[in-house]
Amino acid sequence: SLDAMVWQVDERFVDVDAFEAHQRRVASSE
């Protein structure tokens, strides 16, 4: 609400493997 050019990001994954899988998917995503 204070800066329209900034987004707050909050993520939670069930374990390291899930988080790492997410990072890999995002890296190759549009």
PDB file of all heavy atoms in Angstrom:
ATOM      1  N   SER A   1       0.823  -1.219   0.000  1.00  0.00           N
ATOM      2  CA  SER A   1       0.000   0.000   0.000  1.00  0.00           C
ATOM      3  C   SER A   1       0.855   1.267   0.000  1.00  0.00           C
ATOM      4  O   SER A   1       0.390   2.317  -0.427  1.00  0.00           O
ATOM      5  CB  SER A   1      -0.942   0.007   1.201  1.00  0.00           C
ATOM      6  OG  SER A   1      -0.202  -0.048   2.401  1.00  0.00           O
ATOM      7  N   LEU A   2       2.097   1.172   0.442  1.00  0.00           N
ATOM      8  CA  LEU A   2       2.951   2.354   0.522  1.00  0.00           C
ATOM      9  C   LEU A   2       3.714   2.644  -0.763  1.00  0.00           C
ATOM     10  O   LEU A   2       4.115   3.782  -1.005  1.00  0.00           O
ATOM     11  CB  LEU A   2       3.945   2.213   1.680  1.00  0.00           C
ATOM     12  CG  LEU A   2       3.318   2.134   3.063  1.00  0.00           C
ATOM     13  CD1 LEU A   2       4.396   1.920   4.120  1.00  0.00           C
ATOM     14  CD2 LEU A   2       2.509   3.382   3.368  1.00  0.00           C
ATOM     15  N   ASP A   3       3.925   1.620  -1.590  1.00  0.00           N
ATOM     16  CA  ASP A   3       4.685   1.816  -2.817  1.00  0.00           C
ATOM     17  C   ASP A   3       4.136   0.878  -3.891  1.00  0.00           C
ATOM     18  O   ASP A   3       4.290  -0.336  -3.791  1.00  0.00           O
ATOM     19  CB  ASP A   3       6.171   1.539  -2.574  1.00  0.00           C
ATOM     20  CG  ASP A   3       7.054   1.910  -3.752  1.00  0.00           C
ATOM     21  OD1 ASP A   3       6.549   1.973  -4.901  1.00  0.00           O
ATOM     22  OD2 ASP A   3       8.254   2.122  -3.531  1.00  0.00           O
ATOM     23  N   ALA A   4       3.517   1.450  -4.911  1.00  0.00           N
ATOM     24  CA  ALA A   4       2.874   0.665  -5.971  1.00  0.00           C
ATOM     25  C   ALA A   4       3.871  -0.103  -6.832  1.00  0.00           C
ATOM     26  O   ALA A   4       3.473  -0.906  -7.667  1.00  0.00           O
ATOM     27  CB  ALA A   4       2.022   1.577  -6.847  1.00  0.00           C
ATOM     28  N   MET A   5       5.148   0.124  -6.629  1.00  0.00           N
ATOM     29  CA  MET A   5       6.161  -0.589  -7.404  1.00  0.00           C
ATOM     30  C   MET A   5       6.789  -1.742  -6.619  1.00  0.00           C
ATOM     31  O   MET A   5       7.734  -2.381  -7.082  1.00  0.00           O
ATOM     32  CB  MET A   5       7.233   0.394  -7.891  1.00  0.00           C
ATOM     33  CG  MET A   5       6.606   1.365  -8.881  1.00  0.00           C
ATOM     34  SD  MET A   5       7.667   2.571  -9.662  1.00  0.00           S
ATOM     35  CE  MET A   5       9.058   1.683 -10.207  1.00  0.00           C
ATOM     36  N   VAL A   6       6.248  -2.023  -5.448  1.00  0.00           N
ATOM     37  CA  VAL A   6       6.787  -3.073  -4.582  1.00  0.00           C
ATOM     38  C   VAL A   6       5.673  -4.057  -4.230  1.00  0.00           C
ATOM     39  O   VAL A   6       4.567  -3.654  -3.859  1.00  0.00           O
ATOM     40  CB  VAL A   6       7.386  -2.471  -3.286  1.00  0.00           C
ATOM     41  CG1 VAL A   6       7.884  -3.571  -2.356  1.00  0.00           C
ATOM     42  CG2 VAL A   6       8.504  -1.489  -3.618  1.00  0.00           C
ATOM     43  N   TRP A   7       5.993  -5.347  -4.341  1.00  0.00           N
ATOM     44  CA  TRP A   7       5.076  -6.414  -3.947  1.00  0.00           C
ATOM     45  C   TRP A   7       5.679  -7.162  -2.765  1.00  0.00           C
ATOM     46  O   TRP A   7       6.873  -7.473  -2.756  1.00  0.00           O
ATOM     47  CB  TRP A   7       4.889  -7.405  -5.095  1.00  0.00           C
ATOM     48  CG  TRP A   7       3.880  -6.978  -6.108  1.00  0.00           C
ATOM     49  CD1 TRP A   7       2.584  -7.414  -6.205  1.00  0.00           C
ATOM     50  CD2 TRP A   7       4.056  -6.044  -7.169  1.00  0.00           C
ATOM     51  NE1 TRP A   7       1.968  -6.797  -7.263  1.00  0.00           N
ATOM     52  CE2 TRP A   7       2.846  -5.954  -7.876  1.00  0.00           C
ATOM     53  CE3 TRP A   7       5.133  -5.262  -7.602  1.00  0.00           C
ATOM     54  CZ2 TRP A   7       2.667  -5.135  -8.975  1.00  0.00           C
ATOM     55  CZ3 TRP A   7       4.963  -4.437  -8.694  1.00  0.00           C
ATOM     56  CH2 TRP A   7       3.749  -4.371  -9.371  1.00  0.00           C
ATOM     57  N   GLN A   8       4.840  -7.462  -1.780  1.00  0.00           N
ATOM     58  CA  GLN A   8       5.248  -8.308  -0.660  1.00  0.00           C
ATOM     59  C   GLN A   8       5.050  -9.756  -1.073  1.00  0.00           C
ATOM     60  O   GLN A   8       3.973 -10.135  -1.556  1.00  0.00           O
ATOM     61  CB  GLN A   8       4.423  -7.998   0.595  1.00  0.00           C
ATOM     62  CG  GLN A   8       4.748  -8.877   1.786  1.00  0.00           C
ATOM     63  CD  GLN A   8       6.181  -8.723   2.278  1.00  0.00           C
ATOM     64  OE1 GLN A   8       6.733  -7.625   2.258  1.00  0.00           O
ATOM     65  NE2 GLN A   8       6.778  -9.818   2.723  1.00  0.00           N
ATOM     66  N   VAL A   9       6.086 -10.563  -0.883  1.00  0.00           N
ATOM     67  CA  VAL A   9       6.064 -11.974  -1.269  1.00  0.00           C
ATOM     68  C   VAL A   9       6.214 -12.816  -0.005  1.00  0.00           C
ATOM     69  O   VAL A   9       7.152 -12.613   0.771  1.00  0.00           O
ATOM     70  CB  VAL A   9       7.214 -12.295  -2.255  1.00  0.00           C
ATOM     71  CG1 VAL A   9       7.191 -13.772  -2.642  1.00  0.00           C
ATOM     72  CG2 VAL A   9       7.152 -11.385  -3.478  1.00  0.00           C
ATOM     73  N   ASP A  10       5.287 -13.742   0.202  1.00  0.00           N
ATOM     74  CA  ASP A  10       5.348 -14.664   1.338  1.00  0.00           C
ATOM     75  C   ASP A  10       5.008 -16.053   0.836  1.00  0.00           C
ATOM     76  O   ASP A  10       3.902 -16.290   0.334  1.00  0.00           O
ATOM     77  CB  ASP A  10       4.385 -14.231   2.443  1.00  0.00           C
ATOM     78  CG  ASP A  10       4.816 -12.918   3.062  1.00  0.00           C
ATOM     79  OD1 ASP A  10       5.875 -12.910   3.721  1.00  0.00           O
ATOM     80  OD2 ASP A  10       4.119 -11.902   2.873  1.00  0.00           O
ATOM     81  N   GLU A  11       5.964 -16.965   0.975  1.00  0.00           N
ATOM     82  CA  GLU A  11       5.819 -18.333   0.491  1.00  0.00           C
ATOM     83  C   GLU A  11       6.119 -19.302   1.626  1.00  0.00           C
ATOM     84  O   GLU A  11       6.988 -19.038   2.456  1.00  0.00           O
ATOM     85  CB  GLU A  11       6.827 -18.640  -0.626  1.00  0.00           C
ATOM     86  CG  GLU A  11       6.870 -17.665  -1.750  1.00  0.00           C
ATOM     87  CD  GLU A  11       7.964 -17.991  -2.766  1.00  0.00           C
ATOM     88  OE1 GLU A  11       8.660 -19.039  -2.624  1.00  0.00           O
ATOM     89  OE2 GLU A  11       8.130 -17.201  -3.694  1.00  0.00           O
ATOM     90  N   ARG A  12       5.421 -20.442   1.603  1.00  0.00           N
ATOM     91  CA  ARG A  12       5.755 -21.515   2.537  1.00  0.00           C
ATOM     92  C   ARG A  12       5.610 -22.840   1.810  1.00  0.00           C
ATOM     93  O   ARG A  12       4.587 -23.111   1.189  1.00  0.00           O
ATOM     94  CB  ARG A  12       4.848 -21.494   3.762  1.00  0.00           C
ATOM     95  CG  ARG A  12       5.266 -22.519   4.811  1.00  0.00           C
ATOM     96  CD  ARG A  12       4.627 -22.280   6.170  1.00  0.00           C
ATOM     97  NE  ARG A  12       3.198 -22.320   6.138  1.00  0.00           N
ATOM     98  CZ  ARG A  12       2.463 -23.418   6.347  1.00  0.00           C
ATOM     99  NH1 ARG A  12       3.051 -24.573   6.607  1.00  0.00           N
ATOM    100  NH2 ARG A  12       1.156 -23.361   6.305  1.00  0.00           N
ATOM    101  N   PHE A  13       6.658 -23.640   1.890  1.00  0.00           N
ATOM    102  CA  PHE A  13       6.674 -24.970   1.285  1.00  0.00           C
ATOM    103  C   PHE A  13       6.882 -25.996   2.388  1.00  0.00           C
ATOM    104  O   PHE A  13       7.513 -25.708   3.402  1.00  0.00           O
ATOM    105  CB  PHE A  13       7.768 -25.058   0.215  1.00  0.00           C
ATOM    106  CG  PHE A  13       7.436 -24.219  -0.988  1.00  0.00           C
ATOM    107  CD1 PHE A  13       7.767 -22.874  -1.018  1.00  0.00           C
ATOM    108  CD2 PHE A  13       6.748 -24.757  -2.055  1.00  0.00           C
ATOM    109  CE1 PHE A  13       7.421 -22.077  -2.101  1.00  0.00           C
ATOM    110  CE2 PHE A  13       6.396 -23.971  -3.141  1.00  0.00           C
ATOM    111  CZ  PHE A  13       6.739 -22.628  -3.167  1.00  0.00           C
ATOM    112  N   VAL A  14       6.372 -27.192   2.175  1.00  0.00           N
ATOM    113  CA  VAL A  14       6.355 -28.198   3.241  1.00  0.00           C
ATOM    114  C   VAL A  14       7.726 -28.738   3.601  1.00  0.00           C
ATOM    115  O   VAL A  14       7.918 -29.241   4.709  1.00  0.00           O
ATOM    116  CB  VAL A  14       5.393 -29.368   2.906  1.00  0.00           C
ATOM    117  CG1 VAL A  14       3.967 -28.871   2.776  1.00  0.00           C
ATOM    118  CG2 VAL A  14       5.831 -30.099   1.651  1.00  0.00           C
ATOM    119  N   ASP A  15       8.685 -28.632   2.672  1.00  0.00           N
ATOM    120  CA  ASP A  15      10.042 -29.099   2.965  1.00  0.00           C
ATOM    121  C   ASP A  15      11.017 -28.542   1.927  1.00  0.00           C
ATOM    122  O   ASP A  15      10.604 -27.874   0.968  1.00  0.00           O
ATOM    123  CB  ASP A  15      10.117 -30.628   3.048  1.00  0.00           C
ATOM    124  CG  ASP A  15       9.653 -31.343   1.786  1.00  0.00           C
ATOM    125  OD1 ASP A  15       9.750 -30.764   0.670  1.00  0.00           O
ATOM    126  OD2 ASP A  15       9.195 -32.492   1.905  1.00  0.00           O
ATOM    127  N   VAL A  16      12.280 -28.824   2.131  1.00  0.00           N
ATOM    128  CA  VAL A  16      13.326 -28.321   1.239  1.00  0.00           C
ATOM    129  C   VAL A  16      13.130 -28.849  -0.180  1.00  0.00           C
ATOM    130  O   VAL A  16      13.303 -28.105  -1.155  1.00  0.00           O
ATOM    131  CB  VAL A  16      14.729 -28.673   1.780  1.00  0.00           C
ATOM    132  CG1 VAL A  16      15.800 -28.365   0.757  1.00  0.00           C
ATOM    133  CG2 VAL A  16      15.001 -27.926   3.071  1.00  0.00           C
ATOM    134  N   ASP A  17      12.762 -30.121  -0.318  1.00  0.00           N
ATOM    135  CA  ASP A  17      12.575 -30.684  -1.651  1.00  0.00           C
ATOM    136  C   ASP A  17      11.484 -29.944  -2.421  1.00  0.00           C
ATOM    137  O   ASP A  17      11.652 -29.652  -3.612  1.00  0.00           O
ATOM    138  CB  ASP A  17      12.232 -32.174  -1.578  1.00  0.00           C
ATOM    139  CG  ASP A  17      13.406 -33.028  -1.116  1.00  0.00           C
ATOM    140  OD1 ASP A  17      14.562 -32.563  -1.226  1.00  0.00           O
ATOM    141  OD2 ASP A  17      13.157 -34.153  -0.651  1.00  0.00           O
ATOM    142  N   ALA A  18      10.383 -29.634  -1.755  1.00  0.00           N
ATOM    143  CA  ALA A  18       9.288 -28.905  -2.405  1.00  0.00           C
ATOM    144  C   ALA A  18       9.734 -27.500  -2.791  1.00  0.00           C
ATOM    145  O   ALA A  18       9.418 -27.013  -3.883  1.00  0.00           O
ATOM    146  CB  ALA A  18       8.072 -28.852  -1.494  1.00  0.00           C
ATOM    147  N   PHE A  19      10.485 -26.844  -1.914  1.00  0.00           N
ATOM    148  CA  PHE A  19      10.975 -25.496  -2.204  1.00  0.00           C
ATOM    149  C   PHE A  19      11.944 -25.517  -3.385  1.00  0.00           C
ATOM    150  O   PHE A  19      11.845 -24.685  -4.297  1.00  0.00           O
ATOM    151  CB  PHE A  19      11.659 -24.904  -0.969  1.00  0.00           C
ATOM    152  CG  PHE A  19      12.227 -23.537  -1.198  1.00  0.00           C
ATOM    153  CD1 PHE A  19      11.401 -22.434  -1.304  1.00  0.00           C
ATOM    154  CD2 PHE A  19      13.597 -23.352  -1.310  1.00  0.00           C
ATOM    155  CE1 PHE A  19      11.927 -21.167  -1.525  1.00  0.00           C
ATOM    156  CE2 PHE A  19      14.132 -22.092  -1.531  1.00  0.00           C
ATOM    157  CZ  PHE A  19      13.286 -20.990  -1.637  1.00  0.00           C
ATOM    158  N   GLU A  20      12.846 -26.468  -3.399  1.00  0.00           N
ATOM    159  CA  GLU A  20      13.808 -26.563  -4.500  1.00  0.00           C
ATOM    160  C   GLU A  20      13.117 -26.898  -5.818  1.00  0.00           C
ATOM    161  O   GLU A  20      13.484 -26.374  -6.874  1.00  0.00           O
ATOM    162  CB  GLU A  20      14.898 -27.567  -4.163  1.00  0.00           C
ATOM    163  CG  GLU A  20      15.820 -27.061  -3.071  1.00  0.00           C
ATOM    164  CD  GLU A  20      16.854 -28.074  -2.614  1.00  0.00           C
ATOM    165  OE1 GLU A  20      16.772 -29.264  -3.015  1.00  0.00           O
ATOM    166  OE2 GLU A  20      17.748 -27.678  -1.844  1.00  0.00           O
ATOM    167  N   ALA A  21      12.095 -27.746  -5.776  1.00  0.00           N
ATOM    168  CA  ALA A  21      11.326 -28.058  -6.989  1.00  0.00           C
ATOM    169  C   ALA A  21      10.640 -26.799  -7.505  1.00  0.00           C
ATOM    170  O   ALA A  21      10.597 -26.545  -8.719  1.00  0.00           O
ATOM    171  CB  ALA A  21      10.311 -29.154  -6.706  1.00  0.00           C
ATOM    172  N   HIS A  22      10.108 -26.011  -6.588  1.00  0.00           N
ATOM    173  CA  HIS A  22       9.484 -24.736  -6.974  1.00  0.00           C
ATOM    174  C   HIS A  22      10.510 -23.818  -7.636  1.00  0.00           C
ATOM    175  O   HIS A  22      10.231 -23.231  -8.687  1.00  0.00           O
ATOM    176  CB  HIS A  22       8.877 -24.056  -5.744  1.00  0.00           C
ATOM    177  CG  HIS A  22       8.498 -22.639  -5.982  1.00  0.00           C
ATOM    178  ND1 HIS A  22       7.437 -22.276  -6.792  1.00  0.00           N
ATOM    179  CD2 HIS A  22       9.042 -21.486  -5.540  1.00  0.00           C
ATOM    180  CE1 HIS A  22       7.356 -20.954  -6.827  1.00  0.00           C
ATOM    181  NE2 HIS A  22       8.319 -20.455  -6.073  1.00  0.00           N
ATOM    182  N   GLN A  23      11.675 -23.701  -7.049  1.00  0.00           N
ATOM    183  CA  GLN A  23      12.707 -22.834  -7.612  1.00  0.00           C
ATOM    184  C   GLN A  23      13.095 -23.283  -9.019  1.00  0.00           C
ATOM    185  O   GLN A  23      13.276 -22.451  -9.916  1.00  0.00           O
ATOM    186  CB  GLN A  23      13.935 -22.795  -6.691  1.00  0.00           C
ATOM    187  CG  GLN A  23      13.681 -22.141  -5.343  1.00  0.00           C
ATOM    188  CD  GLN A  23      13.272 -20.692  -5.487  1.00  0.00           C
ATOM    189  OE1 GLN A  23      13.934 -19.905  -6.140  1.00  0.00           O
ATOM    190  NE2 GLN A  23      12.147 -20.336  -4.884  1.00  0.00           N
ATOM    191  N   ARG A  24      13.206 -24.582  -9.231  1.00  0.00           N
ATOM    192  CA  ARG A  24      13.535 -25.097 -10.567  1.00  0.00           C
ATOM    193  C   ARG A  24      12.417 -24.788 -11.561  1.00  0.00           C
ATOM    194  O   ARG A  24      12.684 -24.375 -12.698  1.00  0.00           O
ATOM    195  CB  ARG A  24      13.800 -26.611 -10.518  1.00  0.00           C
ATOM    196  CG  ARG A  24      15.139 -26.971  -9.899  1.00  0.00           C
ATOM    197  CD  ARG A  24      15.458 -28.449 -10.090  1.00  0.00           C
ATOM    198  NE  ARG A  24      14.458 -29.336  -9.510  1.00  0.00           N
ATOM    199  CZ  ARG A  24      14.444 -29.730  -8.242  1.00  0.00           C
ATOM    200  NH1 ARG A  24      15.371 -29.312  -7.393  1.00  0.00           N
ATOM    201  NH2 ARG A  24      13.506 -30.555  -7.803  1.00  0.00           N
ATOM    202  N   ARG A  25      11.163 -24.995 -11.146  1.00  0.00           N
ATOM    203  CA  ARG A  25      10.052 -24.720 -12.043  1.00  0.00           C
ATOM    204  C   ARG A  25      10.016 -23.249 -12.419  1.00  0.00           C
ATOM    205  O   ARG A  25       9.871 -22.884 -13.579  1.00  0.00           O
ATOM    206  CB  ARG A  25       8.706 -25.119 -11.421  1.00  0.00           C
ATOM    207  CG  ARG A  25       7.544 -24.918 -12.419  1.00  0.00           C
ATOM    208  CD  ARG A  25       6.189 -24.929 -11.765  1.00  0.00           C
ATOM    209  NE  ARG A  25       5.966 -23.865 -10.826  1.00  0.00           N
ATOM    210  CZ  ARG A  25       5.669 -22.598 -11.167  1.00  0.00           C
ATOM    211  NH1 ARG A  25       5.618 -22.220 -12.424  1.00  0.00           N
ATOM    212  NH2 ARG A  25       5.460 -21.699 -10.224  1.00  0.00           N
ATOM    213  N   VAL A  26      10.173 -22.389 -11.427  1.00  0.00           N
ATOM    214  CA  VAL A  26      10.119 -20.947 -11.688  1.00  0.00           C
ATOM    215  C   VAL A  26      11.249 -20.522 -12.625  1.00  0.00           C
ATOM    216  O   VAL A  26      11.030 -19.726 -13.540  1.00  0.00           O
ATOM    217  CB  VAL A  26      10.158 -20.149 -10.368  1.00  0.00           C
ATOM    218  CG1 VAL A  26      10.365 -18.668 -10.632  1.00  0.00           C
ATOM    219  CG2 VAL A  26       8.869 -20.372  -9.591  1.00  0.00           C
ATOM    220  N   ALA A  27      12.437 -21.049 -12.431  1.00  0.00           N
ATOM    221  CA  ALA A  27      13.578 -20.659 -13.257  1.00  0.00           C
ATOM    222  C   ALA A  27      13.335 -20.944 -14.737  1.00  0.00           C
ATOM    223  O   ALA A  27      13.824 -20.208 -15.601  1.00  0.00           O
ATOM    224  CB  ALA A  27      14.836 -21.377 -12.782  1.00  0.00           C
ATOM    225  N   SER A  28      12.566 -21.971 -15.043  1.00  0.00           N
ATOM    226  CA  SER A  28      12.315 -22.320 -16.439  1.00  0.00           C
ATOM    227  C   SER A  28      10.945 -21.852 -16.931  1.00  0.00           C
ATOM    228  O   SER A  28      10.564 -22.138 -18.057  1.00  0.00           O
ATOM    229  CB  SER A  28      12.444 -23.834 -16.627  1.00  0.00           C
ATOM    230  OG  SER A  28      11.435 -24.500 -15.890  1.00  0.00           O
ATOM    231  N   SER A  29      10.226 -21.107 -16.105  1.00  0.00           N
ATOM    232  CA  SER A  29       8.881 -20.665 -16.461  1.00  0.00           C
ATOM    233  C   SER A  29       8.899 -19.328 -17.191  1.00  0.00           C
ATOM    234  O   SER A  29       9.891 -18.597 -17.185  1.00  0.00           O
ATOM    235  CB  SER A  29       8.027 -20.523 -15.195  1.00  0.00           C
ATOM    236  OG  SER A  29       8.438 -19.382 -14.454  1.00  0.00           O
ATOM    237  N   GLU A  30       7.778 -19.000 -17.800  1.00  0.00           N
ATOM    238  CA  GLU A  30       7.633 -17.699 -18.454  1.00  0.00           C
ATOM    239  C   GLU A  30       7.828 -16.575 -17.436  1.00  0.00           C
ATOM    240  O   GLU A  30       8.542 -15.606 -17.695  1.00  0.00           O
ATOM    241  CB  GLU A  30       6.254 -17.604 -19.113  1.00  0.00           C
ATOM    242  CG  GLU A  30       6.074 -16.386 -19.972  1.00  0.00           C
ATOM    243  CD  GLU A  30       4.789 -16.443 -20.770  1.00  0.00           C
ATOM    244  OE1 GLU A  30       3.762 -16.943 -20.256  1.00  0.00           O
ATOM    245  OE2 GLU A  30       4.811 -15.963 -21.914  1.00  0.00           O
TER     246      GLU A  30
END
